[in-house]
ModelCIF file with pLDDT and N, C-alpha, C, O atoms, coordinates in Angstrom:
data_MODEL
#
_entry.id   MODEL 
#
_entity.id                         1 
_entity.type                       polymer 
_entity.pdbx_number_of_molecules   1 
#
_entity_poly.entity_id                      1 
_entity_poly.type                           'polypeptide(L)' 
_entity_poly.nstd_linkage                   no 
_entity_poly.nstd_monomer                   no 
_entity_poly.pdbx_seq_one_letter_code       NLQFPYKLLQAYTAYCRPLCQEIKLPQTAFDILMFLANN 
_entity_poly.pdbx_seq_one_letter_code_can   NLQFPYKLLQAYTAYCRPLCQEIKLPQTAFDILMFLANN 
_entity_poly.pdbx_strand_id                 A 
#
loop_
_entity_poly_seq.entity_id 
_entity_poly_seq.num 
_entity_poly_seq.mon_id 
_entity_poly_seq.hetero 
1 1  ASN n 
1 2  LEU n 
1 3  GLN n 
1 4  PHE n 
1 5  PRO n 
1 6  TYR n 
1 7  LYS n 
1 8  LEU n 
1 9  LEU n 
1 10 GLN n 
1 11 ALA n 
1 12 TYR n 
1 13 THR n 
1 14 ALA n 
1 15 TYR n 
1 16 CYS n 
1 17 ARG n 
1 18 PRO n 
1 19 LEU n 
1 20 CYS n 
1 21 GLN n 
1 22 GLU n 
1 23 ILE n 
1 24 LYS n 
1 25 LEU n 
1 26 PRO n 
1 27 GLN n 
1 28 THR n 
1 29 ALA n 
1 30 PHE n 
1 31 ASP n 
1 32 ILE n 
1 33 LEU n 
1 34 MET n 
1 35 PHE n 
1 36 LEU n 
1 37 ALA n 
1 38 ASN n 
1 39 ASN n 
#
_struct_asym.id          A 
_struct_asym.entity_id   1 
#
loop_
_ma_qa_metric.id 
_ma_qa_metric.mode 
_ma_qa_metric.name 
_ma_qa_metric.software_group_id 
_ma_qa_metric.type 
1 global pLDDT . pLDDT 
2 local  pLDDT . pLDDT 
#
_ma_qa_metric_global.metric_id      1 
_ma_qa_metric_global.metric_value   95.15 
_ma_qa_metric_global.model_id       1 
_ma_qa_metric_global.ordinal_id     1 
#
loop_
_ma_qa_metric_local.label_asym_id 
_ma_qa_metric_local.label_comp_id 
_ma_qa_metric_local.label_seq_id 
_ma_qa_metric_local.metric_id 
_ma_qa_metric_local.metric_value 
_ma_qa_metric_local.model_id 
_ma_qa_metric_local.ordinal_id 
A ASN 1  2 79.00 1 1  
A LEU 2  2 81.00 1 2  
A GLN 3  2 90.00 1 3  
A PHE 4  2 88.00 1 4  
A PRO 5  2 88.00 1 5  
A TYR 6  2 92.00 1 6  
A LYS 7  2 94.00 1 7  
A LEU 8  2 94.00 1 8  
A LEU 9  2 94.00 1 9  
A GLN 10 2 96.00 1 10 
A ALA 11 2 97.00 1 11 
A TYR 12 2 97.00 1 12 
A THR 13 2 97.00 1 13 
A ALA 14 2 97.00 1 14 
A TYR 15 2 97.00 1 15 
A CYS 16 2 97.00 1 16 
A ARG 17 2 98.00 1 17 
A PRO 18 2 97.00 1 18 
A LEU 19 2 97.00 1 19 
A CYS 20 2 97.00 1 20 
A GLN 21 2 97.00 1 21 
A GLU 22 2 97.00 1 22 
A ILE 23 2 95.00 1 23 
A LYS 24 2 95.00 1 24 
A LEU 25 2 96.00 1 25 
A PRO 26 2 97.00 1 26 
A GLN 27 2 97.00 1 27 
A THR 28 2 97.00 1 28 
A ALA 29 2 98.00 1 29 
A PHE 30 2 98.00 1 30 
A ASP 31 2 97.00 1 31 
A ILE 32 2 98.00 1 32 
A LEU 33 2 98.00 1 33 
A MET 34 2 98.00 1 34 
A PHE 35 2 97.00 1 35 
A LEU 36 2 98.00 1 36 
A ALA 37 2 98.00 1 37 
A ASN 38 2 97.00 1 38 
A ASN 39 2 96.00 1 39 
#
loop_
_atom_site.group_PDB 
_atom_site.id 
_atom_site.type_symbol 
_atom_site.label_atom_id 
_atom_site.label_alt_id 
_atom_site.label_comp_id 
_atom_site.label_asym_id 
_atom_site.label_entity_id 
_atom_site.label_seq_id 
_atom_site.pdbx_PDB_ins_code 
_atom_site.Cartn_x 
_atom_site.Cartn_y 
_atom_site.Cartn_z 
_atom_site.occupancy 
_atom_site.B_iso_or_equiv 
_atom_site.pdbx_formal_charge 
_atom_site.auth_seq_id 
_atom_site.auth_comp_id 
_atom_site.auth_asym_id 
_atom_site.auth_atom_id 
_atom_site.pdbx_PDB_model_num 
ATOM 1   N N  . ASN A 1 1  ? 6.027  -252.583 -35.660 1.00 79.00 ? 1  ASN A N  1 
ATOM 2   C CA . ASN A 1 1  ? 7.035  -251.532 -35.681 1.00 79.00 ? 1  ASN A CA 1 
ATOM 3   C C  . ASN A 1 1  ? 7.748  -251.563 -34.332 1.00 79.00 ? 1  ASN A C  1 
ATOM 4   O O  . ASN A 1 1  ? 7.141  -251.303 -33.293 1.00 79.00 ? 1  ASN A O  1 
ATOM 5   N N  . LEU A 1 2  ? 9.016  -251.877 -34.357 1.00 81.00 ? 2  LEU A N  1 
ATOM 6   C CA . LEU A 1 2  ? 9.779  -252.011 -33.114 1.00 81.00 ? 2  LEU A CA 1 
ATOM 7   C C  . LEU A 1 2  ? 9.875  -250.711 -32.332 1.00 81.00 ? 2  LEU A C  1 
ATOM 8   O O  . LEU A 1 2  ? 10.111 -250.732 -31.124 1.00 81.00 ? 2  LEU A O  1 
ATOM 9   N N  . GLN A 1 3  ? 9.696  -249.597 -32.995 1.00 90.00 ? 3  GLN A N  1 
ATOM 10  C CA . GLN A 1 3  ? 9.799  -248.307 -32.317 1.00 90.00 ? 3  GLN A CA 1 
ATOM 11  C C  . GLN A 1 3  ? 8.490  -247.873 -31.667 1.00 90.00 ? 3  GLN A C  1 
ATOM 12  O O  . GLN A 1 3  ? 8.469  -246.867 -30.958 1.00 90.00 ? 3  GLN A O  1 
ATOM 13  N N  . PHE A 1 4  ? 7.408  -248.599 -31.887 1.00 88.00 ? 4  PHE A N  1 
ATOM 14  C CA . PHE A 1 4  ? 6.108  -248.176 -31.372 1.00 88.00 ? 4  PHE A CA 1 
ATOM 15  C C  . PHE A 1 4  ? 6.111  -247.932 -29.863 1.00 88.00 ? 4  PHE A C  1 
ATOM 16  O O  . PHE A 1 4  ? 5.705  -246.853 -29.431 1.00 88.00 ? 4  PHE A O  1 
ATOM 17  N N  . PRO A 1 5  ? 6.558  -248.905 -29.033 1.00 88.00 ? 5  PRO A N  1 
ATOM 18  C CA . PRO A 1 5  ? 6.521  -248.637 -27.577 1.00 88.00 ? 5  PRO A CA 1 
ATOM 19  C C  . PRO A 1 5  ? 7.387  -247.435 -27.190 1.00 88.00 ? 5  PRO A C  1 
ATOM 20  O O  . PRO A 1 5  ? 7.012  -246.649 -26.320 1.00 88.00 ? 5  PRO A O  1 
ATOM 21  N N  . TYR A 1 6  ? 8.537  -247.297 -27.835 1.00 92.00 ? 6  TYR A N  1 
ATOM 22  C CA . TYR A 1 6  ? 9.423  -246.168 -27.551 1.00 92.00 ? 6  TYR A CA 1 
ATOM 23  C C  . TYR A 1 6  ? 8.746  -244.845 -27.919 1.00 92.00 ? 6  TYR A C  1 
ATOM 24  O O  . TYR A 1 6  ? 8.774  -243.893 -27.140 1.00 92.00 ? 6  TYR A O  1 
ATOM 25  N N  . LYS A 1 7  ? 8.141  -244.790 -29.103 1.00 94.00 ? 7  LYS A N  1 
ATOM 26  C CA . LYS A 1 7  ? 7.470  -243.560 -29.540 1.00 94.00 ? 7  LYS A CA 1 
ATOM 27  C C  . LYS A 1 7  ? 6.293  -243.217 -28.629 1.00 94.00 ? 7  LYS A C  1 
ATOM 28  O O  . LYS A 1 7  ? 6.063  -242.048 -28.318 1.00 94.00 ? 7  LYS A O  1 
ATOM 29  N N  . LEU A 1 8  ? 5.556  -244.228 -28.208 1.00 94.00 ? 8  LEU A N  1 
ATOM 30  C CA . LEU A 1 8  ? 4.424  -244.010 -27.310 1.00 94.00 ? 8  LEU A CA 1 
ATOM 31  C C  . LEU A 1 8  ? 4.902  -243.396 -25.995 1.00 94.00 ? 8  LEU A C  1 
ATOM 32  O O  . LEU A 1 8  ? 4.323  -242.426 -25.506 1.00 94.00 ? 8  LEU A O  1 
ATOM 33  N N  . LEU A 1 9  ? 5.954  -243.966 -25.435 1.00 94.00 ? 9  LEU A N  1 
ATOM 34  C CA . LEU A 1 9  ? 6.510  -243.462 -24.179 1.00 94.00 ? 9  LEU A CA 1 
ATOM 35  C C  . LEU A 1 9  ? 7.073  -242.049 -24.344 1.00 94.00 ? 9  LEU A C  1 
ATOM 36  O O  . LEU A 1 9  ? 6.865  -241.190 -23.487 1.00 94.00 ? 9  LEU A O  1 
ATOM 37  N N  . GLN A 1 10 ? 7.777  -241.816 -25.435 1.00 96.00 ? 10 GLN A N  1 
ATOM 38  C CA . GLN A 1 10 ? 8.356  -240.485 -25.671 1.00 96.00 ? 10 GLN A CA 1 
ATOM 39  C C  . GLN A 1 10 ? 7.278  -239.423 -25.844 1.00 96.00 ? 10 GLN A C  1 
ATOM 40  O O  . GLN A 1 10 ? 7.414  -238.310 -25.334 1.00 96.00 ? 10 GLN A O  1 
ATOM 41  N N  . ALA A 1 11 ? 6.207  -239.761 -26.561 1.00 97.00 ? 11 ALA A N  1 
ATOM 42  C CA . ALA A 1 11 ? 5.105  -238.814 -26.754 1.00 97.00 ? 11 ALA A CA 1 
ATOM 43  C C  . ALA A 1 11 ? 4.430  -238.502 -25.421 1.00 97.00 ? 11 ALA A C  1 
ATOM 44  O O  . ALA A 1 11 ? 4.143  -237.342 -25.124 1.00 97.00 ? 11 ALA A O  1 
ATOM 45  N N  . TYR A 1 12 ? 4.176  -239.538 -24.617 1.00 97.00 ? 12 TYR A N  1 
ATOM 46  C CA . TYR A 1 12 ? 3.547  -239.328 -23.310 1.00 97.00 ? 12 TYR A CA 1 
ATOM 47  C C  . TYR A 1 12 ? 4.437  -238.464 -22.413 1.00 97.00 ? 12 TYR A C  1 
ATOM 48  O O  . TYR A 1 12 ? 3.954  -237.557 -21.735 1.00 97.00 ? 12 TYR A O  1 
ATOM 49  N N  . THR A 1 13 ? 5.719  -238.749 -22.417 1.00 97.00 ? 13 THR A N  1 
ATOM 50  C CA . THR A 1 13 ? 6.673  -237.965 -21.624 1.00 97.00 ? 13 THR A CA 1 
ATOM 51  C C  . THR A 1 13 ? 6.655  -236.501 -22.067 1.00 97.00 ? 13 THR A C  1 
ATOM 52  O O  . THR A 1 13 ? 6.704  -235.599 -21.231 1.00 97.00 ? 13 THR A O  1 
ATOM 53  N N  . ALA A 1 14 ? 6.586  -236.269 -23.357 1.00 97.00 ? 14 ALA A N  1 
ATOM 54  C CA . ALA A 1 14 ? 6.538  -234.894 -23.880 1.00 97.00 ? 14 ALA A CA 1 
ATOM 55  C C  . ALA A 1 14 ? 5.279  -234.169 -23.400 1.00 97.00 ? 14 ALA A C  1 
ATOM 56  O O  . ALA A 1 14 ? 5.331  -232.975 -23.104 1.00 97.00 ? 14 ALA A O  1 
ATOM 57  N N  . TYR A 1 15 ? 4.162  -234.872 -23.321 1.00 97.00 ? 15 TYR A N  1 
ATOM 58  C CA . TYR A 1 15 ? 2.927  -234.255 -22.840 1.00 97.00 ? 15 TYR A CA 1 
ATOM 59  C C  . TYR A 1 15 ? 3.026  -233.906 -21.354 1.00 97.00 ? 15 TYR A C  1 
ATOM 60  O O  . TYR A 1 15 ? 2.474  -232.901 -20.907 1.00 97.00 ? 15 TYR A O  1 
ATOM 61  N N  . CYS A 1 16 ? 3.730  -234.742 -20.600 1.00 97.00 ? 16 CYS A N  1 
ATOM 62  C CA . CYS A 1 16 ? 3.859  -234.542 -19.153 1.00 97.00 ? 16 CYS A CA 1 
ATOM 63  C C  . CYS A 1 16 ? 4.954  -233.545 -18.786 1.00 97.00 ? 16 CYS A C  1 
ATOM 64  O O  . CYS A 1 16 ? 4.916  -232.955 -17.706 1.00 97.00 ? 16 CYS A O  1 
ATOM 65  N N  . ARG A 1 17 ? 5.917  -233.354 -19.665 1.00 98.00 ? 17 ARG A N  1 
ATOM 66  C CA . ARG A 1 17 ? 7.110  -232.565 -19.351 1.00 98.00 ? 17 ARG A CA 1 
ATOM 67  C C  . ARG A 1 17 ? 6.804  -231.168 -18.787 1.00 98.00 ? 17 ARG A C  1 
ATOM 68  O O  . ARG A 1 17 ? 7.395  -230.799 -17.772 1.00 98.00 ? 17 ARG A O  1 
ATOM 69  N N  . PRO A 1 18 ? 5.908  -230.373 -19.397 1.00 97.00 ? 18 PRO A N  1 
ATOM 70  C CA . PRO A 1 18 ? 5.670  -229.033 -18.834 1.00 97.00 ? 18 PRO A CA 1 
ATOM 71  C C  . PRO A 1 18 ? 5.216  -229.060 -17.374 1.00 97.00 ? 18 PRO A C  1 
ATOM 72  O O  . PRO A 1 18 ? 5.670  -228.249 -16.566 1.00 97.00 ? 18 PRO A O  1 
ATOM 73  N N  . LEU A 1 19 ? 4.326  -229.984 -17.038 1.00 97.00 ? 19 LEU A N  1 
ATOM 74  C CA . LEU A 1 19 ? 3.862  -230.076 -15.654 1.00 97.00 ? 19 LEU A CA 1 
ATOM 75  C C  . LEU A 1 19 ? 4.983  -230.556 -14.736 1.00 97.00 ? 19 LEU A C  1 
ATOM 76  O O  . LEU A 1 19 ? 5.161  -230.018 -13.644 1.00 97.00 ? 19 LEU A O  1 
ATOM 77  N N  . CYS A 1 20 ? 5.730  -231.553 -15.165 1.00 97.00 ? 20 CYS A N  1 
ATOM 78  C CA . CYS A 1 20 ? 6.841  -232.070 -14.351 1.00 97.00 ? 20 CYS A CA 1 
ATOM 79  C C  . CYS A 1 20 ? 7.871  -230.971 -14.094 1.00 97.00 ? 20 CYS A C  1 
ATOM 80  O O  . CYS A 1 20 ? 8.394  -230.853 -12.986 1.00 97.00 ? 20 CYS A O  1 
ATOM 81  N N  . GLN A 1 21 ? 8.159  -230.173 -15.111 1.00 97.00 ? 21 GLN A N  1 
ATOM 82  C CA . GLN A 1 21 ? 9.112  -229.074 -14.927 1.00 97.00 ? 21 GLN A CA 1 
ATOM 83  C C  . GLN A 1 21 ? 8.556  -228.012 -13.990 1.00 97.00 ? 21 GLN A C  1 
ATOM 84  O O  . GLN A 1 21 ? 9.280  -227.475 -13.151 1.00 97.00 ? 21 GLN A O  1 
ATOM 85  N N  . GLU A 1 22 ? 7.280  -227.712 -14.131 1.00 97.00 ? 22 GLU A N  1 
ATOM 86  C CA . GLU A 1 22 ? 6.646  -226.709 -13.276 1.00 97.00 ? 22 GLU A CA 1 
ATOM 87  C C  . GLU A 1 22 ? 6.690  -227.106 -11.805 1.00 97.00 ? 22 GLU A C  1 
ATOM 88  O O  . GLU A 1 22 ? 6.969  -226.274 -10.942 1.00 97.00 ? 22 GLU A O  1 
ATOM 89  N N  . ILE A 1 23 ? 6.418  -228.367 -11.522 1.00 95.00 ? 23 ILE A N  1 
ATOM 90  C CA . ILE A 1 23 ? 6.360  -228.816 -10.124 1.00 95.00 ? 23 ILE A CA 1 
ATOM 91  C C  . ILE A 1 23 ? 7.685  -229.407 -9.645  1.00 95.00 ? 23 ILE A C  1 
ATOM 92  O O  . ILE A 1 23 ? 7.809  -229.849 -8.503  1.00 95.00 ? 23 ILE A O  1 
ATOM 93  N N  . LYS A 1 24 ? 8.665  -229.406 -10.537 1.00 95.00 ? 24 LYS A N  1 
ATOM 94  C CA . LYS A 1 24 ? 10.018 -229.875 -10.219 1.00 95.00 ? 24 LYS A CA 1 
ATOM 95  C C  . LYS A 1 24 ? 10.029 -231.331 -9.732  1.00 95.00 ? 24 LYS A C  1 
ATOM 96  O O  . LYS A 1 24 ? 10.648 -231.668 -8.722  1.00 95.00 ? 24 LYS A O  1 
ATOM 97  N N  . LEU A 1 25 ? 9.330  -232.169 -10.480 1.00 96.00 ? 25 LEU A N  1 
ATOM 98  C CA . LEU A 1 25 ? 9.331  -233.602 -10.206 1.00 96.00 ? 25 LEU A CA 1 
ATOM 99  C C  . LEU A 1 25 ? 9.854  -234.324 -11.437 1.00 96.00 ? 25 LEU A C  1 
ATOM 100 O O  . LEU A 1 25 ? 9.508  -233.956 -12.560 1.00 96.00 ? 25 LEU A O  1 
ATOM 101 N N  . PRO A 1 26 ? 10.683 -235.349 -11.244 1.00 97.00 ? 26 PRO A N  1 
ATOM 102 C CA . PRO A 1 26 ? 11.082 -236.158 -12.387 1.00 97.00 ? 26 PRO A CA 1 
ATOM 103 C C  . PRO A 1 26 ? 9.886  -236.944 -12.933 1.00 97.00 ? 26 PRO A C  1 
ATOM 104 O O  . PRO A 1 26 ? 8.924  -237.208 -12.211 1.00 97.00 ? 26 PRO A O  1 
ATOM 105 N N  . GLN A 1 27 ? 9.956  -237.308 -14.195 1.00 97.00 ? 27 GLN A N  1 
ATOM 106 C CA . GLN A 1 27 ? 8.870  -238.063 -14.822 1.00 97.00 ? 27 GLN A CA 1 
ATOM 107 C C  . GLN A 1 27 ? 8.543  -239.325 -14.032 1.00 97.00 ? 27 GLN A C  1 
ATOM 108 O O  . GLN A 1 27 ? 7.370  -239.664 -13.875 1.00 97.00 ? 27 GLN A O  1 
ATOM 109 N N  . THR A 1 28 ? 9.547  -240.017 -13.540 1.00 97.00 ? 28 THR A N  1 
ATOM 110 C CA . THR A 1 28 ? 9.302  -241.265 -12.801 1.00 97.00 ? 28 THR A CA 1 
ATOM 111 C C  . THR A 1 28 ? 8.484  -241.010 -11.540 1.00 97.00 ? 28 THR A C  1 
ATOM 112 O O  . THR A 1 28 ? 7.586  -241.789 -11.220 1.00 97.00 ? 28 THR A O  1 
ATOM 113 N N  . ALA A 1 29 ? 8.778  -239.937 -10.826 1.00 98.00 ? 29 ALA A N  1 
ATOM 114 C CA . ALA A 1 29 ? 8.001  -239.604 -9.628  1.00 98.00 ? 29 ALA A CA 1 
ATOM 115 C C  . ALA A 1 29 ? 6.552  -239.287 -10.011 1.00 98.00 ? 29 ALA A C  1 
ATOM 116 O O  . ALA A 1 29 ? 5.615  -239.723 -9.344  1.00 98.00 ? 29 ALA A O  1 
ATOM 117 N N  . PHE A 1 30 ? 6.384  -238.532 -11.082 1.00 98.00 ? 30 PHE A N  1 
ATOM 118 C CA . PHE A 1 30 ? 5.040  -238.215 -11.570 1.00 98.00 ? 30 PHE A CA 1 
ATOM 119 C C  . PHE A 1 30 ? 4.302  -239.496 -11.961 1.00 98.00 ? 30 PHE A C  1 
ATOM 120 O O  . PHE A 1 30 ? 3.125  -239.658 -11.639 1.00 98.00 ? 30 PHE A O  1 
ATOM 121 N N  . ASP A 1 31 ? 4.992  -240.405 -12.655 1.00 97.00 ? 31 ASP A N  1 
ATOM 122 C CA . ASP A 1 31 ? 4.377  -241.669 -13.060 1.00 97.00 ? 31 ASP A CA 1 
ATOM 123 C C  . ASP A 1 31 ? 3.931  -242.480 -11.845 1.00 97.00 ? 31 ASP A C  1 
ATOM 124 O O  . ASP A 1 31 ? 2.857  -243.081 -11.856 1.00 97.00 ? 31 ASP A O  1 
ATOM 125 N N  . ILE A 1 32 ? 4.744  -242.496 -10.813 1.00 98.00 ? 32 ILE A N  1 
ATOM 126 C CA . ILE A 1 32 ? 4.397  -243.225 -9.582  1.00 98.00 ? 32 ILE A CA 1 
ATOM 127 C C  . ILE A 1 32 ? 3.173  -242.593 -8.924  1.00 98.00 ? 32 ILE A C  1 
ATOM 128 O O  . ILE A 1 32 ? 2.253  -243.297 -8.507  1.00 98.00 ? 32 ILE A O  1 
ATOM 129 N N  . LEU A 1 33 ? 3.166  -241.279 -8.833  1.00 98.00 ? 33 LEU A N  1 
ATOM 130 C CA . LEU A 1 33 ? 2.025  -240.583 -8.240  1.00 98.00 ? 33 LEU A CA 1 
ATOM 131 C C  . LEU A 1 33 ? 0.740  -240.888 -9.009  1.00 98.00 ? 33 LEU A C  1 
ATOM 132 O O  . LEU A 1 33 ? -0.295 -241.174 -8.408  1.00 98.00 ? 33 LEU A O  1 
ATOM 133 N N  . MET A 1 34 ? 0.810  -240.825 -10.338 1.00 98.00 ? 34 MET A N  1 
ATOM 134 C CA . MET A 1 34 ? -0.377 -241.076 -11.147 1.00 98.00 ? 34 MET A CA 1 
ATOM 135 C C  . MET A 1 34 ? -0.795 -242.545 -11.066 1.00 98.00 ? 34 MET A C  1 
ATOM 136 O O  . MET A 1 34 ? -1.988 -242.850 -11.084 1.00 98.00 ? 34 MET A O  1 
ATOM 137 N N  . PHE A 1 35 ? 0.175  -243.451 -10.978 1.00 97.00 ? 35 PHE A N  1 
ATOM 138 C CA . PHE A 1 35 ? -0.149 -244.866 -10.817 1.00 97.00 ? 35 PHE A CA 1 
ATOM 139 C C  . PHE A 1 35 ? -0.933 -245.081 -9.518  1.00 97.00 ? 35 PHE A C  1 
ATOM 140 O O  . PHE A 1 35 ? -1.960 -245.760 -9.512  1.00 97.00 ? 35 PHE A O  1 
ATOM 141 N N  . LEU A 1 36 ? -0.444 -244.504 -8.428  1.00 98.00 ? 36 LEU A N  1 
ATOM 142 C CA . LEU A 1 36 ? -1.118 -244.653 -7.137  1.00 98.00 ? 36 LEU A CA 1 
ATOM 143 C C  . LEU A 1 36 ? -2.512 -244.032 -7.173  1.00 98.00 ? 36 LEU A C  1 
ATOM 144 O O  . LEU A 1 36 ? -3.459 -244.599 -6.629  1.00 98.00 ? 36 LEU A O  1 
ATOM 145 N N  . ALA A 1 37 ? -2.639 -242.875 -7.809  1.00 98.00 ? 37 ALA A N  1 
ATOM 146 C CA . ALA A 1 37 ? -3.928 -242.193 -7.878  1.00 98.00 ? 37 ALA A CA 1 
ATOM 147 C C  . ALA A 1 37 ? -4.925 -242.973 -8.736  1.00 98.00 ? 37 ALA A C  1 
ATOM 148 O O  . ALA A 1 37 ? -6.107 -243.052 -8.403  1.00 98.00 ? 37 ALA A O  1 
ATOM 149 N N  . ASN A 1 38 ? -4.449 -243.546 -9.835  1.00 97.00 ? 38 ASN A N  1 
ATOM 150 C CA . ASN A 1 38 ? -5.336 -244.228 -10.773 1.00 97.00 ? 38 ASN A CA 1 
ATOM 151 C C  . ASN A 1 38 ? -5.578 -245.699 -10.431 1.00 97.00 ? 38 ASN A C  1 
ATOM 152 O O  . ASN A 1 38 ? -6.460 -246.335 -11.007 1.00 97.00 ? 38 ASN A O  1 
ATOM 153 N N  . ASN A 1 39 ? -4.802 -246.233 -9.499  1.00 96.00 ? 39 ASN A N  1 
ATOM 154 C CA . ASN A 1 39 ? -4.902 -247.655 -9.137  1.00 96.00 ? 39 ASN A CA 1 
ATOM 155 C C  . ASN A 1 39 ? -4.822 -247.821 -7.625  1.00 96.00 ? 39 ASN A C  1 
ATOM 156 O O  . ASN A 1 39 ? -4.888 -248.943 -7.123  1.00 96.00 ? 39 ASN A O  1 
#
């Protein structure tokens, strides 16, 4: 299904959105922070 990676990313972004909005960080900044923390 060609939409699988897109749907996966969109679902993950939706889960992160409330926290990103609360802390006023864009999703990309949050992703970078979590990447550094997890790796």
